[in-house]
Protein backbone atom coordinates (compact mmCIF):
# COMPACT_ATOMS: atom_id res chain seq x y z
CA MET A 1 100.75 -6.94 -10.12
CA ASP A 2 100.15 -9.97 -7.68
CA THR A 3 99.25 -9.39 -4.59
CA SER A 4 97.12 -12.91 -3.85
CA ILE A 5 99.68 -13.51 -0.81
CA TYR A 6 97.30 -10.59 0.98
CA PHE A 7 94.32 -10.93 -0.43
CA ASN A 8 91.16 -13.49 -0.24
CA ASP A 9 88.34 -13.92 -2.41
CA GLN A 10 86.31 -11.45 -0.56
CA HIS A 11 89.03 -8.91 -0.57
CA ASP A 12 88.50 -9.08 -4.51
CA GLN A 13 84.98 -8.02 -4.20
CA VAL A 14 85.52 -5.26 -2.23
CA ARG A 15 88.14 -4.00 -4.46
CA GLN A 16 85.53 -4.26 -7.64
CA MET A 17 83.01 -2.98 -5.65
CA VAL A 18 84.69 -0.34 -4.89
CA ARG A 19 85.98 0.34 -7.98
CA GLU A 20 82.12 0.50 -9.82
CA PHE A 21 81.08 2.70 -6.93
CA SER A 22 84.15 5.06 -7.82
CA ARG A 23 84.14 5.06 -11.52
CA THR A 24 80.07 5.61 -11.85
CA GLU A 25 79.35 7.84 -8.41
CA ILE A 26 82.33 10.05 -7.75
CA ALA A 27 84.07 10.34 -10.98
CA PRO A 28 81.07 12.11 -12.79
CA VAL A 29 80.82 15.01 -9.97
CA ALA A 30 84.29 15.11 -8.19
CA ARG A 31 85.65 17.60 -10.29
CA GLU A 32 82.33 20.01 -9.41
CA LEU A 33 83.02 19.31 -6.18
CA ASP A 34 86.73 20.16 -5.97
CA ARG A 35 85.73 23.61 -7.51
CA THR A 36 82.88 24.62 -5.74
CA SER A 37 84.63 22.65 -2.11
CA GLU A 38 80.91 21.15 -1.68
CA PHE A 39 80.80 18.21 1.06
CA PRO A 40 79.65 15.49 -1.30
CA TRP A 41 76.36 14.33 0.69
CA ASP A 42 74.56 12.26 -1.83
CA ASN A 43 77.54 10.17 -2.11
CA ILE A 44 78.06 9.60 1.91
CA ARG A 45 74.47 8.69 1.84
CA LYS A 46 75.09 5.71 -1.09
CA MET A 47 78.35 5.07 0.76
CA GLY A 48 76.16 4.61 4.24
CA GLU A 49 74.00 2.17 2.16
CA LEU A 50 76.70 -0.20 0.78
CA GLY A 51 78.51 0.03 4.69
CA LEU A 52 81.61 1.65 3.52
CA LEU A 53 81.17 4.03 6.72
CA GLY A 54 81.68 1.38 8.75
CA VAL A 55 83.87 -1.49 7.04
CA PRO A 56 86.23 -2.93 9.46
CA TRP A 57 83.43 -2.73 12.47
CA SER A 58 81.24 -5.46 13.59
CA GLU A 59 77.53 -6.16 12.67
CA GLU A 60 76.65 -6.07 16.10
CA LEU A 61 78.02 -2.49 16.59
CA GLY A 62 76.35 -1.89 12.88
CA GLY A 63 79.15 -1.72 10.29
CA ALA A 64 79.73 -4.18 7.34
CA GLY A 65 81.93 -7.18 9.72
CA MET A 66 84.89 -7.06 7.27
CA ASP A 67 88.20 -6.57 8.22
CA GLN A 68 91.20 -4.07 7.93
CA LEU A 69 92.54 -5.24 4.61
CA SER A 70 89.12 -4.41 3.23
CA TYR A 71 88.92 -0.64 5.24
CA TYR A 72 92.43 -0.41 3.20
CA ILE A 73 91.50 -1.92 -0.13
CA THR A 74 88.46 0.67 0.09
CA ILE A 75 90.50 3.63 0.70
CA HIS A 76 92.92 2.60 -1.39
CA GLU A 77 90.82 1.93 -4.80
CA MET A 78 88.31 5.18 -3.69
CA ALA A 79 91.61 7.94 -3.63
CA LYS A 80 92.54 6.55 -7.19
CA VAL A 81 89.34 8.78 -8.14
CA ASP A 82 89.10 11.56 -5.40
CA ALA A 83 90.97 11.72 -2.45
CA SER A 84 87.94 13.64 -0.69
CA HIS A 85 85.92 11.31 -0.79
CA ALA A 86 88.19 8.55 0.15
CA LEU A 87 89.48 10.90 3.24
CA THR A 88 86.15 10.87 4.34
CA ILE A 89 86.50 7.17 4.95
CA SER A 90 89.30 7.53 6.71
CA ALA A 91 89.12 10.36 8.80
CA HIS A 92 85.53 8.61 9.86
CA THR A 93 86.67 5.31 10.48
CA ASN A 94 89.83 5.44 12.49
CA LEU A 95 89.95 8.90 13.47
CA GLY A 96 86.42 8.99 14.55
CA THR A 97 85.49 5.53 15.49
CA SER A 98 88.51 3.70 16.19
CA PRO A 99 89.71 5.47 19.67
CA ILE A 100 85.99 4.84 20.57
CA VAL A 101 85.91 1.20 19.84
CA GLU A 102 89.18 0.83 21.14
CA PHE A 103 89.12 2.54 24.37
CA GLY A 104 85.95 3.66 24.92
CA THR A 105 83.46 1.19 27.36
CA PRO A 106 80.84 -1.26 26.68
CA GLU A 107 78.44 1.41 27.18
CA GLN A 108 80.52 4.53 24.65
CA ARG A 109 80.64 1.74 21.92
CA GLU A 110 76.89 0.72 22.20
CA ARG A 111 76.05 4.55 22.54
CA TYR A 112 78.64 6.04 19.60
CA VAL A 113 79.77 3.21 17.70
CA PRO A 114 76.32 2.03 16.02
CA LEU A 115 76.09 5.79 15.00
CA LEU A 116 79.03 6.26 13.32
CA ALA A 117 79.47 2.39 11.55
CA SER A 118 76.31 2.86 10.21
CA GLY A 119 77.16 5.98 8.97
CA ARG A 120 74.04 7.95 10.68
CA VAL A 121 76.63 10.27 11.25
CA LEU A 122 79.99 11.64 11.08
CA GLY A 123 83.10 11.58 13.68
CA GLY A 124 85.79 12.93 13.87
CA PHE A 125 89.06 13.64 15.93
CA GLY A 126 90.30 16.61 17.95
CA LEU A 127 94.58 16.34 18.24
CA THR A 128 95.99 19.16 16.67
CA GLU A 129 95.62 22.85 18.14
CA PRO A 130 97.46 26.05 17.13
CA GLY A 131 100.61 25.57 19.10
CA ALA A 132 100.53 21.66 19.15
CA GLY A 133 100.78 20.16 15.45
CA SER A 134 103.85 17.66 15.45
CA ASP A 135 105.03 18.80 18.96
CA ALA A 136 101.08 16.88 19.77
CA GLY A 137 102.46 16.86 23.25
CA GLY A 138 101.68 20.55 23.92
CA THR A 139 98.22 20.59 23.88
CA ALA A 140 96.98 23.95 25.45
CA SER A 141 92.75 22.63 25.53
CA THR A 142 92.01 21.97 29.00
CA ALA A 143 89.46 20.02 31.10
CA GLU A 144 88.48 21.48 34.49
CA ASP A 145 87.50 18.34 36.71
CA ARG A 146 83.82 19.48 38.13
CA GLY A 147 82.99 16.60 40.43
CA ASP A 148 80.22 14.98 37.96
CA HIS A 149 81.78 16.57 34.72
CA TYR A 150 84.40 17.96 32.95
CA VAL A 151 84.22 21.90 31.84
CA LEU A 152 86.38 21.97 28.34
CA ASN A 153 88.25 24.97 27.38
CA GLY A 154 89.92 25.82 24.02
CA SER A 155 90.28 24.63 20.26
CA LYS A 156 91.37 21.93 17.99
CA ILE A 157 92.65 23.14 14.33
CA PHE A 158 92.65 21.60 10.92
CA ILE A 159 90.12 18.99 12.06
CA THR A 160 88.48 16.71 9.40
CA HIS A 161 84.51 16.51 9.36
CA ALA A 162 84.19 19.34 12.25
CA GLY A 163 81.66 21.10 10.34
CA VAL A 164 79.79 18.01 9.46
CA GLY A 165 80.60 15.57 12.22
CA GLU A 166 78.41 15.06 15.26
CA ILE A 167 80.16 13.07 17.13
CA PHE A 168 84.24 14.09 18.41
CA SER A 169 87.59 11.84 20.22
CA VAL A 170 88.89 14.95 21.54
CA THR A 171 92.51 15.63 24.06
CA ALA A 172 92.85 17.60 26.48
CA ARG A 173 94.51 18.50 29.22
CA THR A 174 93.82 17.65 32.88
CA ASP A 175 96.72 17.68 35.28
CA HIS A 176 99.28 20.48 33.88
CA GLY A 177 102.37 19.60 36.23
CA ALA A 178 102.20 15.76 33.98
CA GLY A 179 103.52 16.83 30.82
CA THR A 180 102.12 14.16 28.17
CA ARG A 181 100.46 12.04 30.98
CA GLY A 182 98.35 14.70 31.85
CA ILE A 183 96.20 14.73 28.87
CA SER A 184 93.17 13.09 28.93
CA SER A 185 90.36 12.16 26.14
CA PHE A 186 86.78 12.52 25.84
CA ILE A 187 83.90 12.48 23.55
CA VAL A 188 82.07 15.06 22.22
CA THR A 189 79.23 15.65 20.64
CA LYS A 190 77.55 18.36 18.65
CA ASP A 191 75.04 19.21 15.42
CA THR A 192 75.99 19.04 11.94
CA VAL A 193 76.28 22.59 10.60
CA ASP A 194 74.62 21.36 7.39
CA LEU A 195 70.80 20.56 9.41
CA GLU A 196 68.88 21.05 6.41
CA LYS A 197 70.81 19.14 3.66
CA CYS A 198 70.92 15.75 6.57
CA ARG A 199 67.18 16.34 7.63
CA GLU A 200 66.74 16.11 3.53
CA LEU A 201 68.56 13.35 2.98
CA GLY A 202 67.80 11.46 6.54
CA ILE A 203 71.46 11.06 7.08
CA GLY A 204 73.95 13.18 9.18
CA HIS A 205 72.15 13.94 12.15
CA ALA A 206 70.77 11.97 15.25
CA GLN A 207 68.57 14.23 17.04
CA ASP A 208 68.19 11.96 19.66
CA LEU A 209 71.67 12.05 19.99
CA PRO A 210 72.67 14.34 23.51
CA LYS A 211 74.80 17.44 22.68
CA THR A 212 77.84 18.84 24.17
CA PRO A 213 76.76 22.20 25.57
CA GLY A 214 80.06 24.63 24.12
CA VAL A 215 81.26 22.90 21.14
CA ARG A 216 81.02 24.51 17.83
CA ALA A 217 82.93 24.73 14.61
CA GLY A 218 84.54 27.21 13.13
CA LYS A 219 85.14 28.56 9.80
CA LYS A 220 85.49 25.98 7.03
CA GLU A 221 88.86 26.12 5.88
CA ASP A 222 89.86 26.95 1.84
CA LYS A 223 92.28 24.75 0.93
CA MET A 224 94.55 23.67 -1.57
CA GLY A 225 93.35 20.03 -2.00
CA TRP A 226 91.11 17.81 -0.29
CA ARG A 227 88.77 20.58 -0.94
CA ALA A 228 85.82 18.39 -0.97
CA SER A 229 86.21 17.54 2.18
CA ASP A 230 85.27 19.48 5.38
CA THR A 231 88.09 21.18 7.35
CA ARG A 232 87.78 23.37 10.42
CA GLU A 233 88.29 24.15 13.26
CA LEU A 234 86.54 22.67 17.08
CA ILE A 235 85.60 25.22 19.14
CA PHE A 236 85.50 24.17 23.09
CA GLU A 237 83.69 27.44 25.23
CA ASN A 238 82.97 25.81 28.65
CA ALA A 239 82.08 22.63 27.18
CA ILE A 240 79.91 20.44 29.88
CA VAL A 241 81.68 17.25 29.51
CA PRO A 242 79.45 14.46 31.38
CA LYS A 243 82.34 12.29 33.18
CA GLU A 244 80.98 9.46 31.57
CA ASN A 245 82.42 10.52 28.17
CA LEU A 246 86.07 9.95 29.80
CA LEU A 247 87.64 7.95 26.88
CA GLY A 248 89.80 5.63 28.53
CA GLU A 249 91.46 6.32 31.67
CA PRO A 250 92.45 9.85 32.88
CA GLY A 251 95.85 10.55 31.81
CA LYS A 252 96.15 8.19 28.70
CA GLY A 253 94.66 10.42 26.24
CA PHE A 254 97.61 11.50 24.77
CA VAL A 255 99.40 7.63 24.11
CA ASN A 256 96.24 6.40 22.76
CA PHE A 257 95.67 8.88 20.48
CA LEU A 258 99.55 8.21 19.13
CA ARG A 259 98.26 4.56 18.83
CA THR A 260 95.13 5.85 16.80
CA LEU A 261 97.93 7.79 14.68
CA ASP A 262 99.65 5.00 14.14
CA ALA A 263 97.36 3.44 12.27
CA GLY A 264 96.12 6.21 10.74
CA ARG A 265 99.36 6.19 8.94
CA ILE A 266 97.94 2.98 7.21
CA GLY A 267 94.78 4.86 6.25
CA ILE A 268 96.47 8.07 4.94
CA ALA A 269 99.57 5.39 2.88
CA ALA A 270 96.20 4.03 1.21
CA LEU A 271 95.19 7.22 0.41
CA SER A 272 98.60 8.44 -1.04
CA LEU A 273 98.63 5.56 -2.96
CA GLY A 274 95.41 5.69 -4.94
CA ILE A 275 96.15 8.90 -5.83
CA ALA A 276 99.59 7.98 -7.31
CA GLU A 277 98.08 4.94 -8.69
CA GLY A 278 94.86 7.22 -10.35
CA ALA A 279 97.43 9.61 -11.39
CA TYR A 280 99.98 7.13 -13.30
CA GLU A 281 96.62 5.00 -14.80
CA ALA A 282 95.66 8.73 -16.58
CA ALA A 283 99.11 9.00 -18.06
CA LEU A 284 99.47 5.58 -19.24
CA GLU A 285 96.09 6.20 -21.36
CA TYR A 286 97.33 9.48 -22.25
CA ALA A 287 100.81 8.46 -23.56
CA GLY A 288 99.48 5.78 -25.76
CA SER A 289 96.59 8.55 -27.16
CA ARG A 290 98.41 11.64 -27.58
CA LYS A 291 100.24 12.08 -30.83
CA GLN A 292 103.25 14.15 -31.15
CA PHE A 293 106.11 14.19 -34.60
CA GLY A 294 103.77 11.63 -35.71
CA LYS A 295 103.84 9.11 -32.51
CA PRO A 296 102.45 8.40 -29.64
CA ILE A 297 104.20 10.16 -26.94
CA GLY A 298 104.64 6.91 -25.36
CA SER A 299 106.82 5.89 -27.26
CA PHE A 300 109.32 8.38 -26.50
CA GLN A 301 111.90 7.67 -24.28
CA GLY A 302 111.39 10.56 -21.83
CA VAL A 303 108.36 8.84 -21.37
CA HIS A 304 108.82 5.66 -21.12
CA PHE A 305 111.33 6.43 -17.93
CA GLN A 306 108.69 8.34 -16.13
CA LEU A 307 106.10 5.68 -16.41
CA ALA A 308 108.84 3.02 -15.55
CA ASP A 309 109.78 4.73 -12.52
CA MET A 310 105.47 5.72 -11.81
CA ALA A 311 105.53 1.43 -11.89
CA LEU A 312 108.30 0.74 -9.94
CA GLU A 313 107.16 3.01 -7.12
CA ILE A 314 103.68 2.04 -7.29
CA GLU A 315 104.35 -1.18 -6.97
CA ALA A 316 106.79 -1.19 -4.05
CA GLY A 317 104.50 0.91 -2.49
CA THR A 318 101.66 -1.49 -2.77
CA HIS A 319 103.78 -4.09 -0.48
CA LEU A 320 104.58 -1.68 1.91
CA LEU A 321 100.89 -0.48 2.15
CA TYR A 322 99.36 -4.25 3.14
CA HIS A 323 102.80 -5.55 4.69
CA ALA A 324 101.61 -2.60 7.10
CA ALA A 325 98.04 -3.46 6.68
CA TRP A 326 98.94 -7.15 7.41
CA LEU A 327 100.46 -6.61 10.68
CA LYS A 328 97.79 -4.59 12.27
CA GLN A 329 95.39 -7.05 11.23
CA ASN A 330 97.35 -10.30 12.65
CA GLY A 331 98.33 -8.09 15.90
CA LYS A 332 101.19 -7.72 15.06
CA PRO A 333 103.83 -4.44 15.87
CA PHE A 334 103.78 -2.49 13.15
CA LYS A 335 104.48 1.35 13.90
CA LYS A 336 107.35 1.29 12.05
CA GLU A 337 105.90 -0.08 9.19
CA ALA A 338 103.10 2.23 8.83
CA ALA A 339 105.65 5.17 9.10
CA MET A 340 107.37 3.31 6.37
CA ALA A 341 103.99 2.76 4.31
CA LYS A 342 103.42 6.49 5.09
CA LEU A 343 106.26 8.05 3.81
CA PHE A 344 107.04 6.48 0.87
CA CYS A 345 103.65 6.46 -0.19
CA SER A 346 102.56 10.35 0.30
CA GLU A 347 106.05 11.17 -0.87
CA LEU A 348 105.38 8.81 -3.99
CA ALA A 349 102.03 10.80 -4.67
CA MET A 350 103.95 13.92 -4.76
CA ARG A 351 106.43 12.17 -7.52
CA ALA A 352 103.60 10.74 -9.30
CA THR A 353 101.10 13.42 -9.62
CA THR A 354 103.97 15.55 -10.74
CA LYS A 355 105.13 13.39 -13.76
CA ALA A 356 101.65 12.72 -14.75
CA VAL A 357 101.05 16.82 -14.85
CA GLN A 358 104.34 16.65 -17.17
CA ILE A 359 103.30 13.66 -19.44
CA PHE A 360 100.34 15.92 -19.99
CA GLY A 361 102.04 18.86 -20.77
CA GLY A 362 99.85 22.00 -20.98
CA TYR A 363 96.97 19.99 -20.62
CA GLY A 364 97.76 18.67 -17.79
CA TYR A 365 98.13 22.40 -16.04
CA THR A 366 94.19 22.47 -16.99
CA THR A 367 90.68 21.20 -15.31
CA ASP A 368 90.14 19.11 -18.05
CA TYR A 369 92.24 16.33 -16.84
CA PRO A 370 92.21 15.06 -13.22
CA VAL A 371 95.57 15.14 -12.55
CA GLU A 372 96.18 18.61 -11.81
CA ARG A 373 93.18 18.46 -8.92
CA MET A 374 95.15 14.49 -7.69
CA MET A 375 98.90 17.11 -7.78
CA ARG A 376 96.93 19.16 -5.36
CA ASP A 377 95.48 16.59 -3.14
CA ALA A 378 98.42 14.43 -2.75
CA LYS A 379 100.41 18.08 -0.95
CA VAL A 380 98.65 17.42 2.02
CA CYS A 381 99.85 13.73 2.55
CA GLU A 382 103.08 14.75 3.16
CA ILE A 383 101.67 16.45 5.97
CA GLY A 384 98.67 15.39 7.44
CA GLU A 385 99.13 12.55 10.08
CA GLY A 386 102.49 13.00 10.94
CA THR A 387 104.94 15.04 8.76
CA SER A 388 107.21 13.16 6.43
CA GLU A 389 109.78 14.73 8.72
CA ILE A 390 107.61 13.08 11.95
CA GLN A 391 107.83 9.87 10.06
CA ARG A 392 111.66 9.98 9.54
CA MET A 393 112.38 10.52 13.61
CA VAL A 394 109.47 7.61 14.15
CA ILE A 395 111.51 5.01 11.95
CA ALA A 396 114.60 5.87 13.32
CA ARG A 397 113.99 5.59 16.90
CA GLN A 398 112.36 2.19 15.83
CA ILE A 399 115.31 1.57 13.99
CA LEU A 400 117.70 2.14 16.28
CA GLY A 401 116.08 1.63 19.68
CA ASN A 402 118.76 1.21 22.61
CA VAL A 403 121.87 2.03 20.24
CA VAL A 404 121.92 5.69 20.89
CA ASP A 405 120.40 7.50 23.44
């Protein structure tokens, strides 16, 4: 499709670079990493060297100095091959790093962002709790003001990079009687759980980074999809957080993190669209080579229609995604458009991967082909960073405005 209305030559170069990296470095190992649920540290090092862990951040902050569109292109292209690798970039960049870039003090940005943007360590984002999923305002973790520091207690669940990461932006309640206005955000740090591996590779751990006492990772989740991504509980047990690690103004943690999620939804849309497109490309190739009744299965109308629907919806999802990304890049409101892109593309990922497995038939149900992994990876896109139901609520509120109470 013609995407020249969104992209310039630099964007095309980024796409080609990520495409080559994904197909030469990620594709050969994606199946085994999914089987073993092993975190891809070797590829993380290579991604850091290419600047893929700091695409939208300035060179002064240790980043690649590119733009937001380049960042979403990176996620989109990589997810065609493997969603776990794409998620690592998305969670690290938008969730782990952007809150510090957007809401941090100059001192906080100078201390933490170069470590993250260069890929020297990985970052994460702590919002979801056992009793606060879609209802993020139900945060129960507490931060008690002790003069020159806060004491954090509680836990966050389903946190990407909770084990492998070292720098996190998290929320905790500082005022119990103020509702969502009583939630503040903080920067906390810990050692990676893979110290030996990280020291061997020279990435993933910053010895000189002061760690937050009382912060630790829980057990690793055994997930249906995104299996090469690290997901765990992040636990605070009388964690001592210096006052200078307060992120943004007191009481603004909830509203600031919602802004982070708005941008993150564009990232999940890019990841979802990549999964859908990867499944479509695999199904298209298979339909041209697999023969039944003496003909390629692509010549049968039943397969025609499935491929046509996939191509149609991918085209529509591409425009939804890059329209939202363009709005964000140009400083325009994008809440509704981000929710629309996330909702459409995540549900498209499920539809497209289901069709792809059907086109592959029995082979599609085996691990010999990537479409079964893509189907498993697609499901969580309808859940993470706001479920499909939440996206519909966001869209409805934006389009109704003051029409209804």
